[in-house]
């Protein structure tokens, strides 16, 4: 099992509670690659949050409204349990969460 997984979720005005599309972006043991993938969404990141609902295993990057598609995009960086909580918090702080 890889240490880092990146997943993309797309939302519309009609589906703010549930994504209309969820896509697996990457799996990697390289933190640099995972960070590039999670920050590679459309437009600039509006907010970054390390979510506590899963013992800080999910760092979510929220992107703004895309005027071309009418969609919102989120990307989740999911940490494997091999990555310590201390490391997860340091990574989140580094990214501005």
Protein backbone atom coordinates (compact mmCIF):
# COMPACT_ATOMS: atom_id res chain seq x y z
CA UNK A 1 0.00 0.00 0.00
CA UNK A 2 1.33 3.41 -0.96
CA UNK A 3 1.79 6.16 1.64
CA UNK A 4 -0.15 8.87 -0.20
CA UNK A 5 -3.31 8.75 -2.31
CA UNK A 6 -4.83 11.73 -4.12
CA UNK A 7 -8.52 11.77 -5.04
CA UNK A 8 -10.40 14.47 -6.97
CA UNK A 9 -14.08 15.29 -6.35
CA UNK A 10 -16.23 17.46 -8.62
CA UNK A 11 -19.37 19.23 -7.38
CA UNK A 12 -22.07 21.28 -9.13
CA UNK A 13 -24.73 23.65 -7.82
CA UNK A 14 -27.15 20.72 -7.75
CA UNK A 15 -24.81 18.31 -5.98
CA UNK A 16 -23.18 20.27 -3.18
CA UNK A 17 -23.66 17.40 -0.72
CA UNK A 18 -22.42 14.58 -2.96
CA UNK A 19 -19.82 14.81 -5.71
CA UNK A 20 -20.98 14.14 -9.26
CA UNK A 21 -17.59 12.67 -10.08
CA UNK A 22 -14.84 11.11 -7.97
CA UNK A 23 -11.59 10.26 -9.67
CA UNK A 24 -8.48 8.55 -8.38
CA UNK A 25 -5.57 10.86 -9.35
CA UNK A 26 -2.51 9.05 -7.99
CA UNK A 27 -0.87 6.80 -5.43
CA UNK A 28 2.70 7.37 -4.41
CA UNK A 29 5.35 6.80 -1.78
CA UNK A 30 6.86 10.17 -2.75
CA UNK A 31 5.50 13.12 -0.77
CA UNK A 32 6.63 15.60 -3.42
CA UNK A 33 4.60 13.84 -6.13
CA UNK A 34 1.55 13.67 -3.86
CA UNK A 35 1.77 17.38 -3.06
CA UNK A 36 2.09 18.25 -6.76
CA UNK A 37 -0.99 16.16 -7.50
CA UNK A 38 -3.13 17.56 -4.67
CA UNK A 39 -2.17 21.14 -5.61
CA UNK A 40 -2.68 20.50 -9.33
CA UNK A 41 -6.38 21.32 -9.45
CA UNK A 42 -8.05 23.82 -11.71
CA UNK A 43 -7.52 27.39 -10.59
CA UNK A 44 -5.92 28.42 -7.34
CA UNK A 45 -6.56 26.76 -4.03
CA UNK A 46 -9.02 28.75 -1.91
CA UNK A 47 -8.54 26.80 1.32
CA UNK A 48 -6.61 23.85 2.69
CA UNK A 49 -7.86 21.83 5.65
CA UNK A 50 -6.48 18.88 7.57
CA UNK A 51 -9.65 17.05 8.56
CA UNK A 52 -9.88 15.55 12.03
CA UNK A 53 -12.83 13.27 11.20
CA UNK A 54 -10.40 10.49 10.21
CA UNK A 55 -7.58 11.05 12.75
CA UNK A 56 -6.03 13.68 10.49
CA UNK A 57 -5.67 11.21 7.62
CA UNK A 58 -7.24 13.49 4.99
CA UNK A 59 -5.94 16.85 3.84
CA UNK A 60 -8.46 18.58 1.57
CA UNK A 61 -7.66 21.34 -0.91
CA UNK A 62 -10.72 23.36 -1.91
CA UNK A 63 -10.66 25.03 -5.30
CA UNK A 64 -12.94 27.84 -6.38
CA UNK A 65 -15.80 27.95 -8.83
CA UNK A 66 -14.79 27.19 -12.42
CA UNK A 67 -16.73 29.59 -14.66
CA UNK A 68 -16.07 27.49 -17.76
CA UNK A 69 -17.60 24.28 -16.40
CA UNK A 70 -19.78 25.62 -13.59
CA UNK A 71 -18.20 23.14 -11.18
CA UNK A 72 -16.25 23.15 -7.92
CA UNK A 73 -13.30 20.87 -7.36
CA UNK A 74 -11.80 19.41 -4.18
CA UNK A 75 -8.71 17.26 -3.99
CA UNK A 76 -7.98 15.00 -1.02
CA UNK A 77 -4.52 13.88 0.01
CA UNK A 78 -5.13 10.70 1.99
CA UNK A 79 -2.30 9.59 4.27
CA UNK A 80 -1.57 5.94 4.90
CA UNK A 81 -1.44 5.00 8.58
CA UNK A 82 2.34 4.59 8.19
CA UNK A 83 2.59 8.40 8.14
CA UNK A 84 2.55 9.63 11.75
CA UNK A 85 -0.01 12.16 12.95
CA UNK A 86 2.86 14.53 13.75
CA UNK A 87 4.10 14.29 10.14
CA UNK A 88 0.58 14.81 8.78
CA UNK A 89 0.22 17.99 10.83
CA UNK A 90 3.65 19.25 9.69
CA UNK A 91 2.75 18.65 6.04
CA UNK A 92 -0.57 20.46 6.51
CA UNK A 93 1.16 23.41 8.14
CA UNK A 94 3.71 23.51 5.32
CA UNK A 95 0.86 23.72 2.79
CA UNK A 96 -0.93 26.46 4.73
CA UNK A 97 -3.69 24.53 6.48
